[in-house]
Amino acid sequence: MDELDASAVRGKITLLPGHDAALTAVTFCIQDEDHTLGNALRYMLMKDIPHPSESKIHMRVQMNEHTVSAVDAFRDAIANLDQVFASIRERYDASLASGEVKKEPATASSVARRAEFSG
């Protein structure tokens, strides 16, 4: 990248206040871009996660200092997800009870199909 390109990037991408001196946690602000680029960057950052055979995930949560703590935000996200799952389960059970949907036993082909989609 030549000097002109580097200076253009410096003006477009800034580091927001609150990062540590070692730059181990940084919030970047990218001007004149939308979530299309943001989602692509997030994908590239997360593509080298721990091996799928390891029963763990790494999740970093960073909040603005003027909002709730990262722990509270994580707890809220889990609680909200739990509510979504409960709602789905209630609707599913209600559909089964009404006869609108029939629960069919798993077959070898349906199990194989699910395995294809789960990776």
PDB file of N, CA and C in Angstrom:
ATOM      1  N   MET A   1       0.860  -1.177   0.000  1.00  0.00           N
ATOM      2  CA  MET A   1       0.000   0.000   0.000  1.00  0.00           C
ATOM      3  C   MET A   1       0.899   1.230   0.000  1.00  0.00           C
ATOM      4  N   ASP A   2       0.691   2.161  -0.910  1.00  0.00           N
ATOM      5  CA  ASP A   2       1.534   3.346  -0.941  1.00  0.00           C
ATOM      6  C   ASP A   2       1.065   4.360   0.097  1.00  0.00           C
ATOM      7  N   GLU A   3       1.829   5.473   0.238  1.00  0.00           N
ATOM      8  CA  GLU A   3       1.525   6.466   1.274  1.00  0.00           C
ATOM      9  C   GLU A   3       0.139   7.068   1.133  1.00  0.00           C
ATOM     10  N   LEU A   4      -0.302   7.336  -0.083  1.00  0.00           N
ATOM     11  CA  LEU A   4      -1.616   7.932  -0.300  1.00  0.00           C
ATOM     12  C   LEU A   4      -2.715   6.989   0.184  1.00  0.00           C
ATOM     13  N   ASP A   5      -2.598   5.709  -0.163  1.00  0.00           N
ATOM     14  CA  ASP A   5      -3.595   4.739   0.279  1.00  0.00           C
ATOM     15  C   ASP A   5      -3.609   4.617   1.799  1.00  0.00           C
ATOM     16  N   ALA A   6      -2.429   4.588   2.410  1.00  0.00           N
ATOM     17  CA  ALA A   6      -2.339   4.445   3.864  1.00  0.00           C
ATOM     18  C   ALA A   6      -2.975   5.631   4.569  1.00  0.00           C
ATOM     19  N   SER A   7      -2.774   6.843   4.072  1.00  0.00           N
ATOM     20  CA  SER A   7      -3.375   8.007   4.722  1.00  0.00           C
ATOM     21  C   SER A   7      -4.888   8.006   4.546  1.00  0.00           C
ATOM     22  N   ALA A   8      -5.369   7.511   3.414  1.00  0.00           N
ATOM     23  CA  ALA A   8      -6.817   7.420   3.205  1.00  0.00           C
ATOM     24  C   ALA A   8      -7.426   6.446   4.198  1.00  0.00           C
ATOM     25  N   VAL A   9      -6.752   5.330   4.446  1.00  0.00           N
ATOM     26  CA  VAL A   9      -7.241   4.358   5.425  1.00  0.00           C
ATOM     27  C   VAL A   9      -7.205   4.960   6.818  1.00  0.00           C
ATOM     28  N   ARG A  10      -6.145   5.689   7.148  1.00  0.00           N
ATOM     29  CA  ARG A  10      -6.048   6.301   8.472  1.00  0.00           C
ATOM     30  C   ARG A  10      -7.212   7.244   8.737  1.00  0.00           C
ATOM     31  N   GLY A  11      -7.682   7.948   7.745  1.00  0.00           N
ATOM     32  CA  GLY A  11      -8.804   8.851   7.936  1.00  0.00           C
ATOM     33  C   GLY A  11     -10.140   8.135   7.986  1.00  0.00           C
ATOM     34  N   LYS A  12     -10.228   6.963   7.412  1.00  0.00           N
ATOM     35  CA  LYS A  12     -11.479   6.217   7.330  1.00  0.00           C
ATOM     36  C   LYS A  12     -11.698   5.327   8.546  1.00  0.00           C
ATOM     37  N   ILE A  13     -10.621   4.787   9.109  1.00  0.00           N
ATOM     38  CA  ILE A  13     -10.716   3.874  10.244  1.00  0.00           C
ATOM     39  C   ILE A  13     -10.072   4.531  11.453  1.00  0.00           C
ATOM     40  N   THR A  14     -10.835   4.645  12.525  1.00  0.00           N
ATOM     41  CA  THR A  14     -10.301   5.211  13.757  1.00  0.00           C
ATOM     42  C   THR A  14     -10.528   4.247  14.912  1.00  0.00           C
ATOM     43  N   LEU A  15      -9.685   4.365  15.927  1.00  0.00           N
ATOM     44  CA  LEU A  15      -9.835   3.589  17.148  1.00  0.00           C
ATOM     45  C   LEU A  15     -10.606   4.446  18.137  1.00  0.00           C
ATOM     46  N   LEU A  16     -11.671   3.906  18.680  1.00  0.00           N
ATOM     47  CA  LEU A  16     -12.463   4.648  19.651  1.00  0.00           C
ATOM     48  C   LEU A  16     -11.781   4.607  21.013  1.00  0.00           C
ATOM     49  N   PRO A  17     -12.008   5.624  21.836  1.00  0.00           N
ATOM     50  CA  PRO A  17     -11.387   5.650  23.166  1.00  0.00           C
ATOM     51  C   PRO A  17     -11.803   4.437  23.999  1.00  0.00           C
ATOM     52  N   GLY A  18     -10.917   4.069  24.926  1.00  0.00           N
ATOM     53  CA  GLY A  18     -11.231   2.994  25.849  1.00  0.00           C
ATOM     54  C   GLY A  18     -10.414   1.738  25.639  1.00  0.00           C
ATOM     55  N   HIS A  19      -9.540   1.712  24.628  1.00  0.00           N
ATOM     56  CA  HIS A  19      -8.726   0.509  24.416  1.00  0.00           C
ATOM     57  C   HIS A  19      -7.520   0.535  25.343  1.00  0.00           C
ATOM     58  N   ASP A  20      -6.977  -0.656  25.603  1.00  0.00           N
ATOM     59  CA  ASP A  20      -5.809  -0.734  26.471  1.00  0.00           C
ATOM     60  C   ASP A  20      -4.538  -0.451  25.672  1.00  0.00           C
ATOM     61  N   ALA A  21      -3.449  -0.203  26.385  1.00  0.00           N
ATOM     62  CA  ALA A  21      -2.193   0.166  25.732  1.00  0.00           C
ATOM     63  C   ALA A  21      -1.654  -0.947  24.843  1.00  0.00           C
ATOM     64  N   ALA A  22      -1.920  -2.192  25.207  1.00  0.00           N
ATOM     65  CA  ALA A  22      -1.422  -3.325  24.422  1.00  0.00           C
ATOM     66  C   ALA A  22      -2.281  -3.590  23.190  1.00  0.00           C
ATOM     67  N   LEU A  23      -3.383  -2.864  23.060  1.00  0.00           N
ATOM     68  CA  LEU A  23      -4.315  -3.014  21.943  1.00  0.00           C
ATOM     69  C   LEU A  23      -4.882  -4.433  21.841  1.00  0.00           C
ATOM     70  N   THR A  24      -5.132  -5.059  22.992  1.00  0.00           N
ATOM     71  CA  THR A  24      -5.725  -6.396  22.977  1.00  0.00           C
ATOM     72  C   THR A  24      -7.237  -6.348  22.826  1.00  0.00           C
ATOM     73  N   ALA A  25      -7.846  -5.202  23.100  1.00  0.00           N
ATOM     74  CA  ALA A  25      -9.288  -5.016  22.909  1.00  0.00           C
ATOM     75  C   ALA A  25      -9.500  -3.619  22.347  1.00  0.00           C
ATOM     76  N   VAL A  26      -9.964  -3.556  21.123  1.00  0.00           N
ATOM     77  CA  VAL A  26     -10.104  -2.272  20.430  1.00  0.00           C
ATOM     78  C   VAL A  26     -11.464  -2.219  19.755  1.00  0.00           C
ATOM     79  N   THR A  27     -12.105  -1.062  19.809  1.00  0.00           N
ATOM     80  CA  THR A  27     -13.317  -0.833  19.036  1.00  0.00           C
ATOM     81  C   THR A  27     -12.947   0.088  17.881  1.00  0.00           C
ATOM     82  N   PHE A  28     -13.171  -0.399  16.664  1.00  0.00           N
ATOM     83  CA  PHE A  28     -12.849   0.368  15.469  1.00  0.00           C
ATOM     84  C   PHE A  28     -14.102   1.073  14.969  1.00  0.00           C
ATOM     85  N   CYS A  29     -13.938   2.274  14.465  1.00  0.00           N
ATOM     86  CA  CYS A  29     -15.018   2.992  13.797  1.00  0.00           C
ATOM     87  C   CYS A  29     -14.610   3.135  12.332  1.00  0.00           C
ATOM     88  N   ILE A  30     -15.428   2.602  11.443  1.00  0.00           N
ATOM     89  CA  ILE A  30     -15.136   2.663  10.013  1.00  0.00           C
ATOM     90  C   ILE A  30     -16.172   3.586   9.380  1.00  0.00           C
ATOM     91  N   GLN A  31     -15.713   4.707   8.875  1.00  0.00           N
ATOM     92  CA  GLN A  31     -16.597   5.723   8.307  1.00  0.00           C
ATOM     93  C   GLN A  31     -17.113   5.317   6.928  1.00  0.00           C
ATOM     94  N   ASP A  32     -18.319   5.730   6.620  1.00  0.00           N
ATOM     95  CA  ASP A  32     -18.930   5.566   5.297  1.00  0.00           C
ATOM     96  C   ASP A  32     -19.030   4.110   4.844  1.00  0.00           C
ATOM     97  N   GLU A  33     -19.284   3.201   5.786  1.00  0.00           N
ATOM     98  CA  GLU A  33     -19.509   1.793   5.464  1.00  0.00           C
ATOM     99  C   GLU A  33     -20.745   1.336   6.218  1.00  0.00           C
ATOM    100  N   ASP A  34     -21.327   0.239   5.762  1.00  0.00           N
ATOM    101  CA  ASP A  34     -22.502  -0.276   6.456  1.00  0.00           C
ATOM    102  C   ASP A  34     -22.217  -1.677   6.975  1.00  0.00           C
ATOM    103  N   HIS A  35     -23.261  -2.357   7.392  1.00  0.00           N
ATOM    104  CA  HIS A  35     -23.096  -3.667   8.012  1.00  0.00           C
ATOM    105  C   HIS A  35     -22.695  -4.758   7.023  1.00  0.00           C
ATOM    106  N   THR A  36     -22.772  -4.486   5.727  1.00  0.00           N
ATOM    107  CA  THR A  36     -22.304  -5.474   4.753  1.00  0.00           C
ATOM    108  C   THR A  36     -20.817  -5.731   4.967  1.00  0.00           C
ATOM    109  N   LEU A  37     -20.039  -4.679   5.023  1.00  0.00           N
ATOM    110  CA  LEU A  37     -18.605  -4.825   5.286  1.00  0.00           C
ATOM    111  C   LEU A  37     -18.378  -5.318   6.707  1.00  0.00           C
ATOM    112  N   GLY A  38     -19.151  -4.793   7.652  1.00  0.00           N
ATOM    113  CA  GLY A  38     -18.987  -5.203   9.047  1.00  0.00           C
ATOM    114  C   GLY A  38     -19.189  -6.690   9.241  1.00  0.00           C
ATOM    115  N   ASN A  39     -20.220  -7.245   8.630  1.00  0.00           N
ATOM    116  CA  ASN A  39     -20.472  -8.683   8.760  1.00  0.00           C
ATOM    117  C   ASN A  39     -19.381  -9.508   8.087  1.00  0.00           C
ATOM    118  N   ALA A  40     -18.869  -9.042   6.953  1.00  0.00           N
ATOM    119  CA  ALA A  40     -17.777  -9.755   6.283  1.00  0.00           C
ATOM    120  C   ALA A  40     -16.515  -9.738   7.145  1.00  0.00           C
ATOM    121  N   LEU A  41     -16.211  -8.601   7.748  1.00  0.00           N
ATOM    122  CA  LEU A  41     -15.047  -8.515   8.636  1.00  0.00           C
ATOM    123  C   LEU A  41     -15.225  -9.410   9.857  1.00  0.00           C
ATOM    124  N   ARG A  42     -16.424  -9.401  10.441  1.00  0.00           N
ATOM    125  CA  ARG A  42     -16.685 -10.248  11.605  1.00  0.00           C
ATOM    126  C   ARG A  42     -16.497 -11.724  11.241  1.00  0.00           C
ATOM    127  N   TYR A  43     -16.973 -12.117  10.065  1.00  0.00           N
ATOM    128  CA  TYR A  43     -16.792 -13.497   9.616  1.00  0.00           C
ATOM    129  C   TYR A  43     -15.308 -13.849   9.543  1.00  0.00           C
ATOM    130  N   MET A  44     -14.515 -12.967   8.930  1.00  0.00           N
ATOM    131  CA  MET A  44     -13.090 -13.252   8.778  1.00  0.00           C
ATOM    132  C   MET A  44     -12.394 -13.327  10.135  1.00  0.00           C
ATOM    133  N   LEU A  45     -12.796 -12.497  11.075  1.00  0.00           N
ATOM    134  CA  LEU A  45     -12.198 -12.536  12.409  1.00  0.00           C
ATOM    135  C   LEU A  45     -12.562 -13.812  13.161  1.00  0.00           C
ATOM    136  N   MET A  46     -13.761 -14.326  12.929  1.00  0.00           N
ATOM    137  CA  MET A  46     -14.247 -15.476  13.691  1.00  0.00           C
ATOM    138  C   MET A  46     -14.033 -16.816  12.988  1.00  0.00           C
ATOM    139  N   LYS A  47     -13.460 -16.823  11.798  1.00  0.00           N
ATOM    140  CA  LYS A  47     -13.400 -18.077  11.053  1.00  0.00           C
ATOM    141  C   LYS A  47     -12.393 -19.059  11.617  1.00  0.00           C
ATOM    142  N   ASP A  48     -11.456 -18.627  12.417  1.00  0.00           N
ATOM    143  CA  ASP A  48     -10.455 -19.521  13.001  1.00  0.00           C
ATOM    144  C   ASP A  48     -10.731 -19.736  14.486  1.00  0.00           C
ATOM    145  N   ILE A  49     -11.910 -20.201  14.788  1.00  0.00           N
ATOM    146  CA  ILE A  49     -12.319 -20.452  16.166  1.00  0.00           C
ATOM    147  C   ILE A  49     -11.742 -21.781  16.641  1.00  0.00           C
ATOM    148  N   PRO A  50     -11.888 -22.122  17.938  1.00  0.00           N
ATOM    149  CA  PRO A  50     -11.396 -23.424  18.402  1.00  0.00           C
ATOM    150  C   PRO A  50     -11.976 -24.556  17.558  1.00  0.00           C
ATOM    151  N   HIS A  51     -11.245 -25.640  17.487  1.00  0.00           N
ATOM    152  CA  HIS A  51     -11.658 -26.785  16.673  1.00  0.00           C
ATOM    153  C   HIS A  51     -13.040 -27.268  17.096  1.00  0.00           C
ATOM    154  N   PRO A  52     -13.904 -27.621  16.125  1.00  0.00           N
ATOM    155  CA  PRO A  52     -15.270 -28.056  16.457  1.00  0.00           C
ATOM    156  C   PRO A  52     -15.333 -29.268  17.382  1.00  0.00           C
ATOM    157  N   SER A  53     -14.269 -30.077  17.424  1.00  0.00           N
ATOM    158  CA  SER A  53     -14.304 -31.235  18.321  1.00  0.00           C
ATOM    159  C   SER A  53     -14.105 -30.825  19.779  1.00  0.00           C
ATOM    160  N   GLU A  54     -13.638 -29.599  20.011  1.00  0.00           N
ATOM    161  CA  GLU A  54     -13.510 -29.104  21.381  1.00  0.00           C
ATOM    162  C   GLU A  54     -14.877 -28.607  21.835  1.00  0.00           C
ATOM    163  N   SER A  55     -15.272 -29.015  23.014  1.00  0.00           N
ATOM    164  CA  SER A  55     -16.594 -28.634  23.526  1.00  0.00           C
ATOM    165  C   SER A  55     -16.524 -27.273  24.199  1.00  0.00           C
ATOM    166  N   LYS A  56     -16.182 -26.265  23.423  1.00  0.00           N
ATOM    167  CA  LYS A  56     -16.126 -24.912  23.971  1.00  0.00           C
ATOM    168  C   LYS A  56     -16.225 -23.903  22.838  1.00  0.00           C
ATOM    169  N   ILE A  57     -16.630 -22.717  23.198  1.00  0.00           N
ATOM    170  CA  ILE A  57     -16.613 -21.596  22.265  1.00  0.00           C
ATOM    171  C   ILE A  57     -15.978 -20.416  22.980  1.00  0.00           C
ATOM    172  N   HIS A  58     -15.365 -19.552  22.242  1.00  0.00           N
ATOM    173  CA  HIS A  58     -14.817 -18.317  22.790  1.00  0.00           C
ATOM    174  C   HIS A  58     -15.738 -17.192  22.350  1.00  0.00           C
ATOM    175  N   MET A  59     -16.171 -16.399  23.279  1.00  0.00           N
ATOM    176  CA  MET A  59     -17.047 -15.290  22.937  1.00  0.00           C
ATOM    177  C   MET A  59     -16.570 -14.056  23.692  1.00  0.00           C
ATOM    178  N   ARG A  60     -16.200 -13.051  22.954  1.00  0.00           N
ATOM    179  CA  ARG A  60     -15.771 -11.806  23.578  1.00  0.00           C
ATOM    180  C   ARG A  60     -16.917 -10.820  23.477  1.00  0.00           C
ATOM    181  N   VAL A  61     -17.257 -10.221  24.605  1.00  0.00           N
ATOM    182  CA  VAL A  61     -18.316  -9.219  24.650  1.00  0.00           C
ATOM    183  C   VAL A  61     -17.679  -7.927  25.133  1.00  0.00           C
ATOM    184  N   GLN A  62     -17.852  -6.885  24.370  1.00  0.00           N
ATOM    185  CA  GLN A  62     -17.315  -5.588  24.758  1.00  0.00           C
ATOM    186  C   GLN A  62     -18.432  -4.573  24.679  1.00  0.00           C
ATOM    187  N   MET A  63     -18.609  -3.840  25.745  1.00  0.00           N
ATOM    188  CA  MET A  63     -19.676  -2.852  25.810  1.00  0.00           C
ATOM    189  C   MET A  63     -19.086  -1.461  25.948  1.00  0.00           C
ATOM    190  N   ASN A  64     -19.835  -0.483  25.527  1.00  0.00           N
ATOM    191  CA  ASN A  64     -19.475   0.909  25.738  1.00  0.00           C
ATOM    192  C   ASN A  64     -19.495   1.168  27.235  1.00  0.00           C
ATOM    193  N   GLU A  65     -18.563   1.952  27.732  1.00  0.00           N
ATOM    194  CA  GLU A  65     -18.473   2.191  29.175  1.00  0.00           C
ATOM    195  C   GLU A  65     -19.721   2.862  29.753  1.00  0.00           C
ATOM    196  N   HIS A  66     -20.559   3.435  28.917  1.00  0.00           N
ATOM    197  CA  HIS A  66     -21.761   4.126  29.400  1.00  0.00           C
ATOM    198  C   HIS A  66     -23.002   3.247  29.338  1.00  0.00           C
ATOM    199  N   THR A  67     -22.822   1.961  29.056  1.00  0.00           N
ATOM    200  CA  THR A  67     -23.952   1.040  28.994  1.00  0.00           C
ATOM    201  C   THR A  67     -23.791  -0.008  30.089  1.00  0.00           C
ATOM    202  N   VAL A  68     -24.521  -1.094  29.978  1.00  0.00           N
ATOM    203  CA  VAL A  68     -24.409  -2.168  30.963  1.00  0.00           C
ATOM    204  C   VAL A  68     -23.060  -2.866  30.820  1.00  0.00           C
ATOM    205  N   SER A  69     -22.684  -3.630  31.837  1.00  0.00           N
ATOM    206  CA  SER A  69     -21.419  -4.359  31.778  1.00  0.00           C
ATOM    207  C   SER A  69     -21.511  -5.486  30.752  1.00  0.00           C
ATOM    208  N   ALA A  70     -20.373  -5.983  30.334  1.00  0.00           N
ATOM    209  CA  ALA A  70     -20.334  -7.093  29.385  1.00  0.00           C
ATOM    210  C   ALA A  70     -21.000  -8.328  29.979  1.00  0.00           C
ATOM    211  N   VAL A  71     -20.822  -8.556  31.280  1.00  0.00           N
ATOM    212  CA  VAL A  71     -21.444  -9.711  31.944  1.00  0.00           C
ATOM    213  C   VAL A  71     -22.960  -9.565  31.931  1.00  0.00           C
ATOM    214  N   ASP A  72     -23.460  -8.363  32.247  1.00  0.00           N
ATOM    215  CA  ASP A  72     -24.914  -8.144  32.225  1.00  0.00           C
ATOM    216  C   ASP A  72     -25.475  -8.291  30.811  1.00  0.00           C
ATOM    217  N   ALA A  73     -24.756  -7.783  29.823  1.00  0.00           N
ATOM    218  CA  ALA A  73     -25.210  -7.909  28.432  1.00  0.00           C
ATOM    219  C   ALA A  73     -25.254  -9.377  28.021  1.00  0.00           C
ATOM    220  N   PHE A  74     -24.260 -10.158  28.440  1.00  0.00           N
ATOM    221  CA  PHE A  74     -24.220 -11.586  28.122  1.00  0.00           C
ATOM    222  C   PHE A  74     -25.386 -12.310  28.789  1.00  0.00           C
ATOM    223  N   ARG A  75     -25.626 -11.995  30.061  1.00  0.00           N
ATOM    224  CA  ARG A  75     -26.762 -12.605  30.777  1.00  0.00           C
ATOM    225  C   ARG A  75     -28.088 -12.241  30.114  1.00  0.00           C
ATOM    226  N   ASP A  76     -28.233 -10.973  29.730  1.00  0.00           N
ATOM    227  CA  ASP A  76     -29.467 -10.538  29.056  1.00  0.00           C
ATOM    228  C   ASP A  76     -29.661 -11.286  27.736  1.00  0.00           C
ATOM    229  N   ALA A  77     -28.576 -11.471  26.990  1.00  0.00           N
ATOM    230  CA  ALA A  77     -28.673 -12.184  25.712  1.00  0.00           C
ATOM    231  C   ALA A  77     -29.106 -13.630  25.932  1.00  0.00           C
ATOM    232  N   ILE A  78     -28.553 -14.268  26.959  1.00  0.00           N
ATOM    233  CA  ILE A  78     -28.946 -15.649  27.268  1.00  0.00           C
ATOM    234  C   ILE A  78     -30.413 -15.700  27.680  1.00  0.00           C
ATOM    235  N   ALA A  79     -30.837 -14.753  28.518  1.00  0.00           N
ATOM    236  CA  ALA A  79     -32.239 -14.721  28.955  1.00  0.00           C
ATOM    237  C   ALA A  79     -33.175 -14.489  27.770  1.00  0.00           C
ATOM    238  N   ASN A  80     -32.812 -13.580  26.878  1.00  0.00           N
ATOM    239  CA  ASN A  80     -33.636 -13.315  25.696  1.00  0.00           C
ATOM    240  C   ASN A  80     -33.708 -14.536  24.787  1.00  0.00           C
ATOM    241  N   LEU A  81     -32.592 -15.206  24.605  1.00  0.00           N
ATOM    242  CA  LEU A  81     -32.573 -16.416  23.783  1.00  0.00           C
ATOM    243  C   LEU A  81     -33.425 -17.509  24.421  1.00  0.00           C
ATOM    244  N   ASP A  82     -33.361 -17.618  25.734  1.00  0.00           N
ATOM    245  CA  ASP A  82     -34.187 -18.590  26.451  1.00  0.00           C
ATOM    246  C   ASP A  82     -35.674 -18.303  26.224  1.00  0.00           C
ATOM    247  N   GLN A  83     -36.053 -17.023  26.228  1.00  0.00           N
ATOM    248  CA  GLN A  83     -37.449 -16.649  25.969  1.00  0.00           C
ATOM    249  C   GLN A  83     -37.860 -17.011  24.540  1.00  0.00           C
ATOM    250  N   VAL A  84     -36.969 -16.791  23.591  1.00  0.00           N
ATOM    251  CA  VAL A  84     -37.266 -17.147  22.198  1.00  0.00           C
ATOM    252  C   VAL A  84     -37.476 -18.651  22.082  1.00  0.00           C
ATOM    253  N   PHE A  85     -36.578 -19.432  22.687  1.00  0.00           N
ATOM    254  CA  PHE A  85     -36.720 -20.894  22.644  1.00  0.00           C
ATOM    255  C   PHE A  85     -38.016 -21.344  23.303  1.00  0.00           C
ATOM    256  N   ALA A  86     -38.368 -20.733  24.437  1.00  0.00           N
ATOM    257  CA  ALA A  86     -39.607 -21.099  25.131  1.00  0.00           C
ATOM    258  C   ALA A  86     -40.819 -20.784  24.259  1.00  0.00           C
ATOM    259  N   SER A  87     -40.801 -19.641  23.582  1.00  0.00           N
ATOM    260  CA  SER A  87     -41.903 -19.258  22.704  1.00  0.00           C
ATOM    261  C   SER A  87     -42.040 -20.238  21.539  1.00  0.00           C
ATOM    262  N   ILE A  88     -40.914 -20.605  20.954  1.00  0.00           N
ATOM    263  CA  ILE A  88     -40.942 -21.576  19.856  1.00  0.00           C
ATOM    264  C   ILE A  88     -41.511 -22.902  20.355  1.00  0.00           C
ATOM    265  N   ARG A  89     -41.066 -23.336  21.527  1.00  0.00           N
ATOM    266  CA  ARG A  89     -41.546 -24.608  22.075  1.00  0.00           C
ATOM    267  C   ARG A  89     -43.052 -24.559  22.338  1.00  0.00           C
ATOM    268  N   GLU A  90     -43.530 -23.435  22.904  1.00  0.00           N
ATOM    269  CA  GLU A  90     -44.969 -23.291  23.180  1.00  0.00           C
ATOM    270  C   GLU A  90     -45.778 -23.354  21.889  1.00  0.00           C
ATOM    271  N   ARG A  91     -45.332 -22.652  20.871  1.00  0.00           N
ATOM    272  CA  ARG A  91     -46.051 -22.653  19.590  1.00  0.00           C
ATOM    273  C   ARG A  91     -46.022 -24.033  18.940  1.00  0.00           C
ATOM    274  N   TYR A  92     -44.893 -24.694  19.031  1.00  0.00           N
ATOM    275  CA  TYR A  92     -44.762 -26.038  18.469  1.00  0.00           C
ATOM    276  C   TYR A  92     -45.705 -26.997  19.190  1.00  0.00           C
ATOM    277  N   ASP A  93     -45.680 -26.958  20.527  1.00  0.00           N
ATOM    278  CA  ASP A  93     -46.560 -27.837  21.306  1.00  0.00           C
ATOM    279  C   ASP A  93     -48.029 -27.548  21.014  1.00  0.00           C
ATOM    280  N   ALA A  94     -48.385 -26.257  20.880  1.00  0.00           N
ATOM    281  CA  ALA A  94     -49.771 -25.887  20.572  1.00  0.00           C
ATOM    282  C   ALA A  94     -50.172 -26.408  19.190  1.00  0.00           C
ATOM    283  N   SER A  95     -49.256 -26.326  18.227  1.00  0.00           N
ATOM    284  CA  SER A  95     -49.546 -26.842  16.883  1.00  0.00           C
ATOM    285  C   SER A  95     -49.736 -28.350  16.903  1.00  0.00           C
ATOM    286  N   LEU A  96     -48.906 -29.046  17.671  1.00  0.00           N
ATOM    287  CA  LEU A  96     -49.066 -30.497  17.791  1.00  0.00           C
ATOM    288  C   LEU A  96     -50.404 -30.844  18.428  1.00  0.00           C
ATOM    289  N   ALA A  97     -50.760 -30.117  19.488  1.00  0.00           N
ATOM    290  CA  ALA A  97     -52.010 -30.392  20.199  1.00  0.00           C
ATOM    291  C   ALA A  97     -53.228 -30.113  19.326  1.00  0.00           C
ATOM    292  N   SER A  98     -53.148 -29.107  18.458  1.00  0.00           N
ATOM    293  CA  SER A  98     -54.288 -28.753  17.611  1.00  0.00           C
ATOM    294  C   SER A  98     -54.429 -29.683  16.413  1.00  0.00           C
ATOM    295  N   GLY A  99     -53.407 -30.448  16.136  1.00  0.00           N
ATOM    296  CA  GLY A  99     -53.451 -31.341  14.986  1.00  0.00           C
ATOM    297  C   GLY A  99     -53.004 -30.685  13.696  1.00  0.00           C
ATOM    298  N   GLU A 100     -52.602 -29.403  13.753  1.00  0.00           N
ATOM    299  CA  GLU A 100     -52.139 -28.705  12.550  1.00  0.00           C
ATOM    300  C   GLU A 100     -50.839 -29.315  12.018  1.00  0.00           C
ATOM    301  N   VAL A 101     -50.016 -29.767  12.934  1.00  0.00           N
ATOM    302  CA  VAL A 101     -48.718 -30.326  12.578  1.00  0.00           C
ATOM    303  C   VAL A 101     -48.634 -31.713  13.178  1.00  0.00           C
ATOM    304  N   LYS A 102     -48.119 -32.636  12.427  1.00  0.00           N
ATOM    305  CA  LYS A 102     -47.965 -33.992  12.941  1.00  0.00           C
ATOM    306  C   LYS A 102     -46.489 -34.281  13.161  1.00  0.00           C
ATOM    307  N   LYS A 103     -46.200 -34.813  14.313  1.00  0.00           N
ATOM    308  CA  LYS A 103     -44.833 -35.198  14.628  1.00  0.00           C
ATOM    309  C   LYS A 103     -44.592 -36.580  14.044  1.00  0.00           C
ATOM    310  N   GLU A 104     -43.612 -36.658  13.159  1.00  0.00           N
ATOM    311  CA  GLU A 104     -43.309 -37.933  12.524  1.00  0.00           C
ATOM    312  C   GLU A 104     -42.026 -38.495  13.117  1.00  0.00           C
ATOM    313  N   PRO A 105     -41.950 -39.803  13.219  1.00  0.00           N
ATOM    314  CA  PRO A 105     -40.728 -40.399  13.770  1.00  0.00           C
ATOM    315  C   PRO A 105     -39.542 -40.143  12.845  1.00  0.00           C
ATOM    316  N   ALA A 106     -38.372 -40.036  13.447  1.00  0.00           N
ATOM    317  CA  ALA A 106     -37.155 -39.814  12.664  1.00  0.00           C
ATOM    318  C   ALA A 106     -36.845 -41.054  11.841  1.00  0.00           C
ATOM    319  N   THR A 107     -36.465 -40.822  10.612  1.00  0.00           N
ATOM    320  CA  THR A 107     -36.032 -41.916   9.740  1.00  0.00           C
ATOM    321  C   THR A 107     -34.546 -41.740   9.469  1.00  0.00           C
ATOM    322  N   ALA A 108     -33.919 -42.744   8.940  1.00  0.00           N
ATOM    323  CA  ALA A 108     -32.489 -42.658   8.629  1.00  0.00           C
ATOM    324  C   ALA A 108     -32.212 -41.519   7.655  1.00  0.00           C
ATOM    325  N   SER A 109     -33.100 -41.326   6.675  1.00  0.00           N
ATOM    326  CA  SER A 109     -32.864 -40.261   5.692  1.00  0.00           C
ATOM    327  C   SER A 109     -33.046 -38.878   6.306  1.00  0.00           C
ATOM    328  N   SER A 110     -34.017 -38.720   7.230  1.00  0.00           N
ATOM    329  CA  SER A 110     -34.205 -37.404   7.852  1.00  0.00           C
ATOM    330  C   SER A 110     -33.042 -37.077   8.777  1.00  0.00           C
ATOM    331  N   VAL A 111     -32.496 -38.077   9.460  1.00  0.00           N
ATOM    332  CA  VAL A 111     -31.329 -37.859  10.317  1.00  0.00           C
ATOM    333  C   VAL A 111     -30.125 -37.484   9.463  1.00  0.00           C
ATOM    334  N   ALA A 112     -29.940 -38.161   8.339  1.00  0.00           N
ATOM    335  CA  ALA A 112     -28.829 -37.849   7.436  1.00  0.00           C
ATOM    336  C   ALA A 112     -28.967 -36.444   6.869  1.00  0.00           C
ATOM    337  N   ARG A 113     -30.203 -36.052   6.523  1.00  0.00           N
ATOM    338  CA  ARG A 113     -30.447 -34.705   5.994  1.00  0.00           C
ATOM    339  C   ARG A 113     -30.088 -33.652   7.034  1.00  0.00           C
ATOM    340  N   ARG A 114     -30.481 -33.868   8.283  1.00  0.00           N
ATOM    341  CA  ARG A 114     -30.147 -32.914   9.345  1.00  0.00           C
ATOM    342  C   ARG A 114     -28.644 -32.837   9.536  1.00  0.00           C
ATOM    343  N   ALA A 115     -27.957 -33.964   9.443  1.00  0.00           N
ATOM    344  CA  ALA A 115     -26.504 -33.982   9.607  1.00  0.00           C
ATOM    345  C   ALA A 115     -25.821 -33.180   8.506  1.00  0.00           C
ATOM    346  N   GLU A 116     -26.355 -33.226   7.286  1.00  0.00           N
ATOM    347  CA  GLU A 116     -25.791 -32.453   6.178  1.00  0.00           C
ATOM    348  C   GLU A 116     -25.855 -30.963   6.470  1.00  0.00           C
ATOM    349  N   PHE A 117     -26.964 -30.501   7.031  1.00  0.00           N
ATOM    350  CA  PHE A 117     -27.147 -29.076   7.283  1.00  0.00           C
ATOM    351  C   PHE A 117     -26.377 -28.605   8.502  1.00  0.00           C
ATOM    352  N   SER A 118     -26.097 -29.484   9.442  1.00  0.00           N
ATOM    353  CA  SER A 118     -25.423 -29.049  10.658  1.00  0.00           C
ATOM    354  C   SER A 118     -23.911 -29.025  10.507  1.00  0.00           C
ATOM    355  N   GLY A 119     -23.428 -29.405   9.376  1.00  0.00           N
ATOM    356  CA  GLY A 119     -22.041 -29.181   9.115  1.00  0.00           C
ATOM    357  C   GLY A 119     -21.168 -30.346   9.057  1.00  0.00           C
TER     358      GLY A 119
END
